[in-house]
Structure formats: C-alpha cells, structure tokens
Amino acid sequence: MGEIVRFKKKKLSERHKGKGLCRSGFHKWEPVATPFDTKQGRLVTRYRCRRCGAIRTDAC
C-alpha cells in the first residue's frame, strides 16, 4: 500500500501576504527587460511588481 500524504493548507494571512498594498495601488515595480518594439519603433521597458507579479510596460 502507498503512503498517505497530508497536504498543509496555508493560513489566510500567508496566502495573501504582501498583496494588500498592491490592491491599493502601491506596487513595488522593478525593471525586467528592455525589448525593442518594432511597431512603435522605440525601446519599451517592462516592469514587474516584486510582490504580486503584475506586469507594466513603459515606452521610452
């Protein structure tokens, strides 16, 4: 017979840790890549939120 594996459920506070500020609009943006956009003809900087992982692009 196989072993029974018990999965731990995370507490509610652990599941939503660090996302309260992002929901209020206070993201912690850090640059990820600077690809060249061929349609716009200029560099585009991508930012990713360190807490929630949301992505934002900014054309230079």
Protein backbone atom coordinates (compact mmCIF):
# COMPACT_ATOMS: atom_id res chain seq x y z
CA MET A 1 0.00 0.00 0.00
CA GLY A 2 1.05 3.56 -0.61
CA GLU A 3 1.75 6.20 1.93
CA ILE A 4 -0.82 8.79 2.81
CA VAL A 5 0.48 12.27 2.12
CA ARG A 6 -1.07 15.10 4.08
CA PHE A 7 -1.08 18.49 2.41
CA LYS A 8 -0.77 21.55 4.59
CA LYS A 9 -3.21 24.32 3.93
CA LYS A 10 -1.70 27.77 4.21
CA LYS A 11 -3.25 30.19 6.62
CA LEU A 12 -5.28 33.02 5.17
CA SER A 13 -2.65 35.54 6.24
CA GLU A 14 0.10 33.53 4.48
CA ARG A 15 -1.88 33.24 1.23
CA HIS A 16 -2.46 36.99 0.94
CA LYS A 17 0.86 38.15 2.36
CA GLY A 18 2.12 41.31 0.67
CA LYS A 19 -0.86 41.73 -1.65
CA GLY A 20 -2.74 44.32 0.40
CA LEU A 21 -0.53 47.17 -0.73
CA CYS A 22 -0.77 46.09 -4.38
CA ARG A 23 -4.56 46.06 -4.23
CA SER A 24 -4.41 49.65 -3.02
CA GLY A 25 -2.20 50.66 -5.95
CA PHE A 26 1.18 50.67 -4.17
CA HIS A 27 3.11 48.22 -6.32
CA LYS A 28 6.87 47.71 -5.95
CA TRP A 29 7.99 47.95 -9.59
CA GLU A 30 11.39 46.70 -10.77
CA PRO A 31 12.62 46.65 -14.41
CA VAL A 32 12.76 43.24 -16.08
CA ALA A 33 13.69 43.69 -19.76
CA THR A 34 14.10 46.37 -22.41
CA PRO A 35 12.96 44.89 -25.74
CA PHE A 36 12.70 46.83 -28.99
CA ASP A 37 9.13 47.28 -30.19
CA THR A 38 9.05 47.11 -33.99
CA LYS A 39 5.52 48.50 -34.32
CA GLN A 40 6.25 51.66 -32.32
CA GLY A 41 9.90 51.86 -33.42
CA ARG A 42 11.32 52.50 -29.95
CA LEU A 43 12.55 50.79 -26.80
CA VAL A 44 9.97 49.51 -24.34
CA THR A 45 10.78 48.91 -20.68
CA ARG A 46 8.90 46.16 -18.85
CA TYR A 47 8.33 46.40 -15.13
CA ARG A 48 7.22 43.57 -12.82
CA CYS A 49 5.83 44.01 -9.32
CA ARG A 50 8.03 42.28 -6.77
CA ARG A 51 5.08 41.42 -4.53
CA CYS A 52 2.24 40.29 -6.80
CA GLY A 53 3.89 39.70 -10.19
CA ALA A 54 1.83 42.19 -12.21
CA ILE A 55 3.45 43.45 -15.43
CA ARG A 56 3.55 47.05 -16.69
CA THR A 57 5.15 48.39 -19.88
CA ASP A 58 6.52 51.86 -20.43
CA ALA A 59 7.61 53.27 -23.80
CA CYS A 60 10.76 55.40 -23.67
